[in-house]
Protein backbone atom coordinates (compact mmCIF):
# COMPACT_ATOMS: atom_id res chain seq x y z
CA UNK A 1 64.33 -158.85 67.87
CA UNK A 2 67.87 -158.86 66.50
CA UNK A 3 70.70 -156.31 66.35
CA UNK A 4 69.77 -154.97 62.92
CA UNK A 5 66.12 -154.54 63.89
CA UNK A 6 67.12 -152.68 67.07
CA UNK A 7 69.40 -150.37 65.07
CA UNK A 8 66.62 -149.71 62.58
CA UNK A 9 64.13 -149.07 65.39
CA UNK A 10 66.56 -146.59 66.98
CA UNK A 11 66.75 -144.68 63.68
CA UNK A 12 62.97 -144.68 63.36
CA UNK A 13 62.39 -143.48 66.93
CA UNK A 14 64.92 -140.64 66.70
CA UNK A 15 63.32 -139.50 63.43
CA UNK A 16 59.88 -139.62 65.07
CA UNK A 17 61.23 -137.64 68.03
CA UNK A 18 62.53 -134.96 65.67
CA UNK A 19 59.16 -134.73 63.91
CA UNK A 20 57.38 -134.41 67.26
CA UNK A 21 59.77 -131.66 68.38
CA UNK A 22 59.04 -129.72 65.20
CA UNK A 23 55.32 -130.13 65.92
CA UNK A 24 55.75 -128.83 69.51
CA UNK A 25 54.86 -132.27 70.93
CA UNK A 26 57.56 -132.31 73.60
CA UNK A 27 56.29 -135.16 75.76
CA UNK A 28 56.37 -137.74 72.99
CA UNK A 29 59.60 -136.38 71.54
CA UNK A 30 61.33 -136.69 74.90
CA UNK A 31 60.15 -140.23 75.46
CA UNK A 32 60.95 -141.45 71.93
CA UNK A 33 64.41 -139.87 71.90
CA UNK A 34 65.33 -141.76 75.06
CA UNK A 35 63.76 -144.92 73.71
CA UNK A 36 65.92 -144.62 70.58
CA UNK A 37 68.99 -144.60 72.78
CA UNK A 38 67.71 -147.62 74.70
CA UNK A 39 67.28 -149.51 71.41
CA UNK A 40 70.82 -148.72 70.31
CA UNK A 41 72.25 -149.87 73.64
CA UNK A 42 70.31 -153.11 73.26
CA UNK A 43 71.74 -153.48 69.74
CA UNK A 44 75.22 -153.25 71.30
CA UNK A 45 74.21 -156.02 73.69
CA UNK A 46 72.77 -158.13 70.87
CA UNK A 47 76.13 -157.94 69.10
CA UNK A 48 77.56 -160.05 71.93
CA UNK A 49 75.23 -162.97 71.13
CA UNK A 50 76.46 -165.39 68.51
CA UNK A 51 74.06 -167.23 66.23
CA UNK A 52 73.14 -170.68 67.49
CA UNK A 53 74.79 -170.13 70.90
CA UNK A 54 72.64 -170.73 73.91
CA UNK A 55 72.19 -167.25 75.45
CA UNK A 56 73.91 -166.40 78.71
CA UNK A 57 71.13 -166.16 81.31
CA UNK A 58 72.62 -163.18 83.17
CA UNK A 59 73.17 -161.25 79.93
CA UNK A 60 69.60 -161.96 78.86
CA UNK A 61 68.12 -161.01 82.23
CA UNK A 62 70.22 -157.85 82.51
CA UNK A 63 69.10 -156.79 79.02
CA UNK A 64 65.47 -156.57 80.12
CA UNK A 65 65.69 -153.11 81.65
CA UNK A 66 65.07 -149.56 80.54
CA UNK A 67 67.81 -148.15 82.79
CA UNK A 68 70.40 -146.66 80.45
CA UNK A 69 73.27 -146.90 82.96
CA UNK A 70 72.57 -150.59 83.52
CA UNK A 71 72.38 -151.17 79.77
CA UNK A 72 75.80 -149.54 79.32
CA UNK A 73 77.21 -152.01 81.85
CA UNK A 74 75.45 -154.96 80.20
CA UNK A 75 76.77 -153.86 76.81
CA UNK A 76 80.29 -153.92 78.26
CA UNK A 77 80.77 -150.21 77.64
CA UNK A 78 81.21 -148.81 81.15
CA UNK A 79 84.97 -148.29 80.85
CA UNK A 80 84.62 -146.82 77.37
CA UNK A 81 81.94 -144.44 78.68
CA UNK A 82 84.17 -143.31 81.54
CA UNK A 83 87.09 -142.80 79.19
CA UNK A 84 84.99 -140.77 76.76
CA UNK A 85 83.66 -138.63 79.63
CA UNK A 86 87.26 -137.86 80.71
CA UNK A 87 88.21 -136.90 77.14
CA UNK A 88 85.16 -134.86 76.18
CA UNK A 89 83.40 -132.47 78.60
CA UNK A 90 80.49 -131.92 76.20
CA UNK A 91 79.97 -135.67 75.92
CA UNK A 92 80.04 -135.95 79.71
CA UNK A 93 77.35 -133.28 79.96
CA UNK A 94 75.34 -135.02 77.23
CA UNK A 95 75.53 -138.33 79.10
CA UNK A 96 74.34 -136.64 82.29
CA UNK A 97 71.34 -135.25 80.39
CA UNK A 98 70.59 -138.59 78.78
CA UNK A 99 71.01 -140.54 81.99
CA UNK A 100 68.12 -138.59 83.54
CA UNK A 101 65.73 -140.18 81.02
CA UNK A 102 63.47 -142.97 82.24
CA UNK A 103 60.78 -145.08 80.62
CA UNK A 104 58.53 -143.67 83.34
CA UNK A 105 58.75 -140.31 81.54
CA UNK A 106 56.04 -141.55 79.21
CA UNK A 107 53.65 -140.69 82.04
CA UNK A 108 55.12 -137.22 82.68
CA UNK A 109 52.79 -134.46 81.53
CA UNK A 110 55.18 -131.67 82.55
CA UNK A 111 58.02 -132.09 80.05
CA UNK A 112 58.93 -128.66 78.74
CA UNK A 113 60.27 -127.64 75.35
CA UNK A 114 63.79 -127.01 76.68
CA UNK A 115 63.97 -130.39 78.38
CA UNK A 116 62.90 -132.19 75.21
CA UNK A 117 65.37 -130.31 73.03
CA UNK A 118 68.18 -130.81 75.55
CA UNK A 119 67.67 -134.57 75.51
CA UNK A 120 67.32 -134.76 71.73
CA UNK A 121 70.45 -132.65 71.20
CA UNK A 122 72.46 -134.63 73.77
CA UNK A 123 71.61 -137.78 71.88
CA UNK A 124 72.08 -136.48 68.32
CA UNK A 125 74.93 -133.95 68.67
CA UNK A 126 77.18 -134.39 65.61
CA UNK A 127 80.44 -134.22 67.58
CA UNK A 128 79.71 -135.31 71.15
CA UNK A 129 76.35 -137.04 70.91
CA UNK A 130 75.58 -140.32 72.59
CA UNK A 131 74.25 -141.99 69.40
CA UNK A 132 77.42 -141.09 67.52
CA UNK A 133 79.54 -142.62 70.28
CA UNK A 134 77.42 -145.79 70.51
CA UNK A 135 77.60 -146.41 66.78
CA UNK A 136 81.31 -147.10 67.27
CA UNK A 137 80.34 -150.27 69.15
CA UNK A 138 77.77 -151.77 66.77
């Protein structure tokens, strides 16, 4: 999977999450919204890999996680994240919401409407959303 495919997949998953929210399917919406963010972080990592270069083993190994905080570090965006959090309190709150997501949430049967909307909005907010911020690094 390459950078462009990961970006496209992120767009698809966030659209699917929105459709599921509108259909009151909060469990799937929550999981797919977080997965969209994971895909975009992995696209940021993929940008670091040059065509025909032998991949760095640590970068490759560190990319195989679903932990969003670890993916931010692997993408080389930790300092930028910290700076953005200092500059924008809404963004900081959005990151806190997003950082609670886990791939294990796909097994959670107790995700409520508010939790799903909070995650979706933290990711897609037009001024302080995590997707908007990440797109600066693609």
